[in-house]
PDB file of N, CA and C in Angstrom:
ATOM      1  N   UNK A   1      -5.931  -5.254  13.537  1.00  0.00           N
ATOM      2  CA  UNK A   1      -4.986  -5.069  12.478  1.00  0.00           C
ATOM      3  C   UNK A   1      -5.124  -4.610  11.215  1.00  0.00           C
ATOM      4  N   UNK A   2      -6.419  -5.126  10.551  1.00  0.00           N
ATOM      5  CA  UNK A   2      -7.061  -4.781   9.523  1.00  0.00           C
ATOM      6  C   UNK A   2      -7.503  -3.498   9.238  1.00  0.00           C
ATOM      7  N   UNK A   3      -7.944  -3.477  10.165  1.00  0.00           N
ATOM      8  CA  UNK A   3      -8.610  -1.890  10.539  1.00  0.00           C
ATOM      9  C   UNK A   3      -7.543  -1.074   9.867  1.00  0.00           C
ATOM     10  N   UNK A   4      -7.050  -1.197  11.044  1.00  0.00           N
ATOM     11  CA  UNK A   4      -5.880  -0.402  10.897  1.00  0.00           C
ATOM     12  C   UNK A   4      -5.104  -0.104   9.215  1.00  0.00           C
ATOM     13  N   UNK A   5      -5.202  -1.295   8.237  1.00  0.00           N
ATOM     14  CA  UNK A   5      -4.555  -1.297   7.360  1.00  0.00           C
ATOM     15  C   UNK A   5      -4.967  -0.762   6.200  1.00  0.00           C
ATOM     16  N   UNK A   6      -6.747  -1.067   6.257  1.00  0.00           N
ATOM     17  CA  UNK A   6      -7.192  -0.685   5.486  1.00  0.00           C
ATOM     18  C   UNK A   6      -7.392   1.291   6.160  1.00  0.00           C
ATOM     19  N   UNK A   7      -7.762   1.862   7.244  1.00  0.00           N
ATOM     20  CA  UNK A   7      -7.958   2.899   7.377  1.00  0.00           C
ATOM     21  C   UNK A   7      -6.223   3.755   7.370  1.00  0.00           C
ATOM     22  N   UNK A   8      -4.934   3.328   7.278  1.00  0.00           N
ATOM     23  CA  UNK A   8      -3.859   3.627   6.681  1.00  0.00           C
ATOM     24  C   UNK A   8      -3.338   3.400   5.338  1.00  0.00           C
ATOM     25  N   UNK A   9      -4.334   2.547   4.242  1.00  0.00           N
ATOM     26  CA  UNK A   9      -4.645   2.663   3.444  1.00  0.00           C
ATOM     27  C   UNK A   9      -4.898   3.677   2.468  1.00  0.00           C
ATOM     28  N   UNK A  10      -6.197   3.861   3.321  1.00  0.00           N
ATOM     29  CA  UNK A  10      -7.500   5.287   2.792  1.00  0.00           C
ATOM     30  C   UNK A  10      -6.469   6.268   2.865  1.00  0.00           C
ATOM     31  N   UNK A  11      -6.217   6.582   3.977  1.00  0.00           N
ATOM     32  CA  UNK A  11      -5.407   8.397   3.590  1.00  0.00           C
ATOM     33  C   UNK A  11      -4.287   8.463   3.146  1.00  0.00           C
ATOM     34  N   UNK A  12      -3.446   7.208   2.905  1.00  0.00           N
ATOM     35  CA  UNK A  12      -2.426   7.266   2.030  1.00  0.00           C
ATOM     36  C   UNK A  12      -2.751   7.692   0.263  1.00  0.00           C
ATOM     37  N   UNK A  13      -4.154   6.756   0.346  1.00  0.00           N
ATOM     38  CA  UNK A  13      -4.488   6.997  -1.470  1.00  0.00           C
ATOM     39  C   UNK A  13      -5.318   8.699  -1.445  1.00  0.00           C
ATOM     40  N   UNK A  14      -5.607   9.427  -0.146  1.00  0.00           N
ATOM     41  CA  UNK A  14      -6.594  10.337  -0.369  1.00  0.00           C
ATOM     42  C   UNK A  14      -5.476  11.387  -0.440  1.00  0.00           C
ATOM     43  N   UNK A  15      -3.900  10.944  -0.251  1.00  0.00           N
ATOM     44  CA  UNK A  15      -2.591  12.128   0.176  1.00  0.00           C
ATOM     45  C   UNK A  15      -2.521  12.086  -1.198  1.00  0.00           C
ATOM     46  N   UNK A  16      -2.147  10.726  -1.304  1.00  0.00           N
ATOM     47  CA  UNK A  16      -1.180  10.425  -3.220  1.00  0.00           C
ATOM     48  C   UNK A  16      -2.121  11.457  -3.928  1.00  0.00           C
ATOM     49  N   UNK A  17      -3.623  11.196  -4.038  1.00  0.00           N
ATOM     50  CA  UNK A  17      -4.329  11.955  -5.255  1.00  0.00           C
ATOM     51  C   UNK A  17      -4.667  13.972  -5.032  1.00  0.00           C
ATOM     52  N   UNK A  18      -4.738  13.692  -3.770  1.00  0.00           N
ATOM     53  CA  UNK A  18      -4.464  15.071  -3.138  1.00  0.00           C
ATOM     54  C   UNK A  18      -3.514  16.461  -3.493  1.00  0.00           C
ATOM     55  N   UNK A  19      -2.243  15.442  -2.859  1.00  0.00           N
ATOM     56  CA  UNK A  19      -0.739  16.259  -3.094  1.00  0.00           C
ATOM     57  C   UNK A  19      -0.431  15.623  -4.311  1.00  0.00           C
ATOM     58  N   UNK A  20      -0.382  14.704  -5.005  1.00  0.00           N
ATOM     59  CA  UNK A  20       0.158  14.138  -6.506  1.00  0.00           C
ATOM     60  C   UNK A  20       1.249  14.278  -6.105  1.00  0.00           C
ATOM     61  N   UNK A  21       1.745  13.345  -4.950  1.00  0.00           N
ATOM     62  CA  UNK A  21       3.248  12.545  -4.137  1.00  0.00           C
ATOM     63  C   UNK A  21       3.085  11.446  -4.263  1.00  0.00           C
ATOM     64  N   UNK A  22       3.882  10.705  -5.563  1.00  0.00           N
ATOM     65  CA  UNK A  22       4.254   9.723  -5.645  1.00  0.00           C
ATOM     66  C   UNK A  22       4.915   8.805  -4.683  1.00  0.00           C
ATOM     67  N   UNK A  23       6.257  10.156  -4.082  1.00  0.00           N
ATOM     68  CA  UNK A  23       7.296   9.223  -3.399  1.00  0.00           C
ATOM     69  C   UNK A  23       6.775   8.900  -1.809  1.00  0.00           C
ATOM     70  N   UNK A  24       5.484   9.580  -1.226  1.00  0.00           N
ATOM     71  CA  UNK A  24       4.517   9.251  -0.423  1.00  0.00           C
ATOM     72  C   UNK A  24       4.049   8.328  -0.215  1.00  0.00           C
ATOM     73  N   UNK A  25       3.603   7.430  -1.511  1.00  0.00           N
ATOM     74  CA  UNK A  25       2.789   6.586  -1.630  1.00  0.00           C
ATOM     75  C   UNK A  25       3.517   5.247  -1.959  1.00  0.00           C
ATOM     76  N   UNK A  26       5.334   5.553  -2.449  1.00  0.00           N
ATOM     77  CA  UNK A  26       5.577   4.531  -2.555  1.00  0.00           C
ATOM     78  C   UNK A  26       6.416   4.080  -1.339  1.00  0.00           C
ATOM     79  N   UNK A  27       6.548   5.350  -0.354  1.00  0.00           N
ATOM     80  CA  UNK A  27       6.258   4.809   1.189  1.00  0.00           C
ATOM     81  C   UNK A  27       5.684   3.670   1.540  1.00  0.00           C
ATOM     82  N   UNK A  28       4.211   4.291   1.503  1.00  0.00           N
ATOM     83  CA  UNK A  28       3.658   3.265   1.718  1.00  0.00           C
ATOM     84  C   UNK A  28       3.769   1.803   1.400  1.00  0.00           C
ATOM     85  N   UNK A  29       3.717   1.722  -0.009  1.00  0.00           N
ATOM     86  CA  UNK A  29       4.205   0.224  -0.339  1.00  0.00           C
ATOM     87  C   UNK A  29       5.053  -0.002   0.038  1.00  0.00           C
ATOM     88  N   UNK A  30       6.066  -0.006   0.623  1.00  0.00           N
ATOM     89  CA  UNK A  30       7.424  -0.130   1.500  1.00  0.00           C
ATOM     90  C   UNK A  30       6.764  -0.935   2.532  1.00  0.00           C
ATOM     91  N   UNK A  31       6.145  -0.249   3.260  1.00  0.00           N
ATOM     92  CA  UNK A  31       6.263  -0.045   4.494  1.00  0.00           C
ATOM     93  C   UNK A  31       5.105  -1.695   4.234  1.00  0.00           C
ATOM     94  N   UNK A  32       4.267  -1.132   3.726  1.00  0.00           N
ATOM     95  CA  UNK A  32       2.957  -3.027   3.413  1.00  0.00           C
ATOM     96  C   UNK A  32       3.513  -4.084   3.027  1.00  0.00           C
ATOM     97  N   UNK A  33       4.678  -3.700   2.384  1.00  0.00           N
ATOM     98  CA  UNK A  33       5.321  -4.989   1.784  1.00  0.00           C
ATOM     99  C   UNK A  33       6.468  -5.083   3.121  1.00  0.00           C
ATOM    100  N   UNK A  34       6.887  -4.675   3.863  1.00  0.00           N
ATOM    101  CA  UNK A  34       7.569  -4.858   4.902  1.00  0.00           C
ATOM    102  C   UNK A  34       6.340  -5.777   6.115  1.00  0.00           C
ATOM    103  N   UNK A  35       5.415  -5.471   5.860  1.00  0.00           N
ATOM    104  CA  UNK A  35       4.432  -6.115   6.728  1.00  0.00           C
ATOM    105  C   UNK A  35       4.158  -7.001   6.198  1.00  0.00           C
ATOM    106  N   UNK A  36       3.781  -7.494   4.483  1.00  0.00           N
ATOM    107  CA  UNK A  36       3.655  -8.578   3.810  1.00  0.00           C
ATOM    108  C   UNK A  36       4.901  -9.520   4.409  1.00  0.00           C
ATOM    109  N   UNK A  37       6.082  -9.858   4.017  1.00  0.00           N
ATOM    110  CA  UNK A  37       7.174 -10.023   4.611  1.00  0.00           C
ATOM    111  C   UNK A  37       7.096 -10.488   6.221  1.00  0.00           C
ATOM    112  N   UNK A  38       7.041  -9.770   7.045  1.00  0.00           N
ATOM    113  CA  UNK A  38       6.899 -10.568   8.039  1.00  0.00           C
ATOM    114  C   UNK A  38       5.663 -11.683   8.607  1.00  0.00           C
ATOM    115  N   UNK A  39       4.444 -11.591   7.919  1.00  0.00           N
ATOM    116  CA  UNK A  39       3.821 -12.266   7.724  1.00  0.00           C
ATOM    117  C   UNK A  39       3.705 -13.819   7.470  1.00  0.00           C
ATOM    118  N   UNK A  40       4.822 -13.291   6.146  1.00  0.00           N
ATOM    119  CA  UNK A  40       4.908 -14.519   5.306  1.00  0.00           C
ATOM    120  C   UNK A  40       5.940 -15.172   5.941  1.00  0.00           C
ATOM    121  N   UNK A  41       7.212 -14.594   6.229  1.00  0.00           N
ATOM    122  CA  UNK A  41       8.165 -15.384   6.917  1.00  0.00           C
ATOM    123  C   UNK A  41       8.371 -16.471   7.972  1.00  0.00           C
ATOM    124  N   UNK A  42       9.049 -17.462   7.942  1.00  0.00           N
ATOM    125  CA  UNK A  42       9.021 -18.372   9.260  1.00  0.00           C
ATOM    126  C   UNK A  42       9.494 -17.927  10.283  1.00  0.00           C
ATOM    127  N   UNK A  43      11.083 -16.765  10.283  1.00  0.00           N
ATOM    128  CA  UNK A  43      10.829 -16.313  11.331  1.00  0.00           C
ATOM    129  C   UNK A  43       9.875 -15.639  11.767  1.00  0.00           C
ATOM    130  N   UNK A  44       8.933 -14.694  11.290  1.00  0.00           N
ATOM    131  CA  UNK A  44       7.917 -13.563  11.342  1.00  0.00           C
ATOM    132  C   UNK A  44       6.650 -14.641  12.353  1.00  0.00           C
ATOM    133  N   UNK A  45       4.916 -14.228  11.062  1.00  0.00           N
ATOM    134  CA  UNK A  45       4.030 -15.067  11.584  1.00  0.00           C
ATOM    135  C   UNK A  45       3.565 -16.194  11.144  1.00  0.00           C
ATOM    136  N   UNK A  46       4.611 -16.490  10.494  1.00  0.00           N
ATOM    137  CA  UNK A  46       4.894 -17.863   9.666  1.00  0.00           C
ATOM    138  C   UNK A  46       3.371 -18.165   8.928  1.00  0.00           C
ATOM    139  N   UNK A  47       2.882 -17.613   8.302  1.00  0.00           N
ATOM    140  CA  UNK A  47       1.612 -17.788   7.440  1.00  0.00           C
ATOM    141  C   UNK A  47       0.139 -17.381   8.592  1.00  0.00           C
ATOM    142  N   UNK A  48       0.253 -17.189   9.833  1.00  0.00           N
ATOM    143  CA  UNK A  48      -0.209 -17.312  10.860  1.00  0.00           C
ATOM    144  C   UNK A  48      -1.935 -16.458  10.390  1.00  0.00           C
ATOM    145  N   UNK A  49      -1.811 -15.721  10.000  1.00  0.00           N
ATOM    146  CA  UNK A  49      -2.726 -14.540   9.629  1.00  0.00           C
ATOM    147  C   UNK A  49      -3.536 -14.209   8.116  1.00  0.00           C
ATOM    148  N   UNK A  50      -3.796 -15.400   7.585  1.00  0.00           N
ATOM    149  CA  UNK A  50      -4.174 -15.208   6.506  1.00  0.00           C
ATOM    150  C   UNK A  50      -4.528 -13.989   5.946  1.00  0.00           C
ATOM    151  N   UNK A  51      -5.929 -13.448   6.163  1.00  0.00           N
ATOM    152  CA  UNK A  51      -6.794 -11.909   6.491  1.00  0.00           C
ATOM    153  C   UNK A  51      -6.125 -10.911   6.264  1.00  0.00           C
ATOM    154  N   UNK A  52      -5.011 -10.908   7.152  1.00  0.00           N
ATOM    155  CA  UNK A  52      -3.805  -9.894   7.285  1.00  0.00           C
ATOM    156  C   UNK A  52      -3.274  -9.906   5.912  1.00  0.00           C
ATOM    157  N   UNK A  53      -2.404 -10.763   5.418  1.00  0.00           N
ATOM    158  CA  UNK A  53      -1.570 -11.344   4.336  1.00  0.00           C
ATOM    159  C   UNK A  53      -2.683 -10.902   3.228  1.00  0.00           C
ATOM    160  N   UNK A  54      -3.929 -11.214   3.403  1.00  0.00           N
ATOM    161  CA  UNK A  54      -4.814 -10.729   1.849  1.00  0.00           C
ATOM    162  C   UNK A  54      -5.208  -9.708   1.703  1.00  0.00           C
ATOM    163  N   UNK A  55      -5.284  -8.839   3.057  1.00  0.00           N
ATOM    164  CA  UNK A  55      -6.045  -7.363   2.905  1.00  0.00           C
ATOM    165  C   UNK A  55      -4.474  -6.531   2.524  1.00  0.00           C
ATOM    166  N   UNK A  56      -3.751  -7.039   3.382  1.00  0.00           N
ATOM    167  CA  UNK A  56      -2.000  -6.248   2.696  1.00  0.00           C
ATOM    168  C   UNK A  56      -2.199  -6.175   1.374  1.00  0.00           C
ATOM    169  N   UNK A  57      -1.804  -7.740   0.660  1.00  0.00           N
ATOM    170  CA  UNK A  57      -1.676  -7.957  -0.654  1.00  0.00           C
ATOM    171  C   UNK A  57      -2.660  -7.210  -1.516  1.00  0.00           C
ATOM    172  N   UNK A  58      -3.845  -6.793  -0.982  1.00  0.00           N
ATOM    173  CA  UNK A  58      -4.743  -6.304  -1.722  1.00  0.00           C
ATOM    174  C   UNK A  58      -4.519  -4.511  -2.205  1.00  0.00           C
ATOM    175  N   UNK A  59      -4.147  -4.060  -1.056  1.00  0.00           N
ATOM    176  CA  UNK A  59      -4.176  -2.624  -0.542  1.00  0.00           C
ATOM    177  C   UNK A  59      -2.787  -2.482  -1.200  1.00  0.00           C
ATOM    178  N   UNK A  60      -1.561  -3.307  -1.280  1.00  0.00           N
ATOM    179  CA  UNK A  60      -0.498  -3.141  -2.426  1.00  0.00           C
ATOM    180  C   UNK A  60      -1.183  -3.141  -3.626  1.00  0.00           C
ATOM    181  N   UNK A  61      -1.527  -3.669  -4.410  1.00  0.00           N
ATOM    182  CA  UNK A  61      -1.985  -3.516  -5.542  1.00  0.00           C
ATOM    183  C   UNK A  61      -3.403  -2.092  -5.009  1.00  0.00           C
ATOM    184  N   UNK A  62      -4.164  -2.007  -4.918  1.00  0.00           N
ATOM    185  CA  UNK A  62      -4.171  -0.683  -4.714  1.00  0.00           C
ATOM    186  C   UNK A  62      -3.947   0.853  -5.046  1.00  0.00           C
ATOM    187  N   UNK A  63      -2.982   0.523  -3.993  1.00  0.00           N
ATOM    188  CA  UNK A  63      -2.387   1.397  -3.844  1.00  0.00           C
ATOM    189  C   UNK A  63      -1.574   1.810  -5.231  1.00  0.00           C
ATOM    190  N   UNK A  64      -0.399   1.068  -5.559  1.00  0.00           N
ATOM    191  CA  UNK A  64       0.138   0.898  -7.018  1.00  0.00           C
ATOM    192  C   UNK A  64      -1.084   1.895  -8.211  1.00  0.00           C
ATOM    193  N   UNK A  65      -2.488   0.795  -8.001  1.00  0.00           N
ATOM    194  CA  UNK A  65      -3.092   1.927  -9.157  1.00  0.00           C
ATOM    195  C   UNK A  65      -3.270   2.843  -9.005  1.00  0.00           C
ATOM    196  N   UNK A  66      -3.365   3.304  -7.459  1.00  0.00           N
ATOM    197  CA  UNK A  66      -3.045   4.815  -7.335  1.00  0.00           C
ATOM    198  C   UNK A  66      -2.139   5.837  -8.005  1.00  0.00           C
ATOM    199  N   UNK A  67      -1.441   4.978  -7.500  1.00  0.00           N
ATOM    200  CA  UNK A  67       0.238   5.653  -7.686  1.00  0.00           C
ATOM    201  C   UNK A  67       0.159   5.663  -9.292  1.00  0.00           C
ATOM    202  N   UNK A  68      -0.033   4.579 -10.679  1.00  0.00           N
ATOM    203  CA  UNK A  68      -0.210   5.292 -11.791  1.00  0.00           C
ATOM    204  C   UNK A  68      -1.247   5.741 -11.927  1.00  0.00           C
ATOM    205  N   UNK A  69      -1.781   5.776 -11.442  1.00  0.00           N
ATOM    206  CA  UNK A  69      -2.895   6.585 -12.281  1.00  0.00           C
ATOM    207  C   UNK A  69      -2.512   8.234 -11.466  1.00  0.00           C
ATOM    208  N   UNK A  70      -1.848   8.701 -10.719  1.00  0.00           N
ATOM    209  CA  UNK A  70      -1.744  10.470 -10.349  1.00  0.00           C
ATOM    210  C   UNK A  70      -0.447  10.390 -11.670  1.00  0.00           C
ATOM    211  N   UNK A  71       0.549   8.890 -11.828  1.00  0.00           N
ATOM    212  CA  UNK A  71       1.706   9.397 -12.291  1.00  0.00           C
ATOM    213  C   UNK A  71       1.697   9.295 -14.267  1.00  0.00           C
ATOM    214  N   UNK A  72       0.064   9.238 -14.222  1.00  0.00           N
ATOM    215  CA  UNK A  72       0.250   9.422 -16.280  1.00  0.00           C
ATOM    216  C   UNK A  72      -0.558  10.539 -15.783  1.00  0.00           C
ATOM    217  N   UNK A  73      -1.464  10.538 -14.971  1.00  0.00           N
ATOM    218  CA  UNK A  73      -2.088  12.180 -15.058  1.00  0.00           C
ATOM    219  C   UNK A  73      -0.718  13.380 -14.699  1.00  0.00           C
ATOM    220  N   UNK A  74       0.102  13.102 -14.076  1.00  0.00           N
ATOM    221  CA  UNK A  74       1.435  14.230 -14.274  1.00  0.00           C
ATOM    222  C   UNK A  74       2.016  13.985 -15.376  1.00  0.00           C
ATOM    223  N   UNK A  75       2.097  12.775 -16.023  1.00  0.00           N
ATOM    224  CA  UNK A  75       2.627  12.219 -17.504  1.00  0.00           C
ATOM    225  C   UNK A  75       2.226  13.796 -18.654  1.00  0.00           C
ATOM    226  N   UNK A  76       0.881  13.620 -18.283  1.00  0.00           N
ATOM    227  CA  UNK A  76       0.025  14.367 -19.513  1.00  0.00           C
ATOM    228  C   UNK A  76       0.271  15.696 -19.278  1.00  0.00           C
ATOM    229  N   UNK A  77       0.176  16.500 -18.187  1.00  0.00           N
ATOM    230  CA  UNK A  77      -0.165  17.725 -17.667  1.00  0.00           C
ATOM    231  C   UNK A  77       1.610  18.409 -18.330  1.00  0.00           C
ATOM    232  N   UNK A  78       2.671  17.904 -18.491  1.00  0.00           N
ATOM    233  CA  UNK A  78       4.205  18.182 -18.860  1.00  0.00           C
ATOM    234  C   UNK A  78       4.188  17.730 -20.407  1.00  0.00           C
TER     235      UNK A  78
END
């Protein structure tokens, strides 16, 4: 699961930078937030996998950083 999260985040970050596609990155954030909520909720995995929670949380922040970088770059161009 952790490897899938890492690979998905890396593919997403590369695509965000190459295509300068902010909505694409927001969809990835949305999906990762859903995974995080499922792992934190009592009806989900109830914090049973802390390494997955840490990985998802870390990559949410990293992807947000990539989105901000692209957003600032696009804003400077116009």
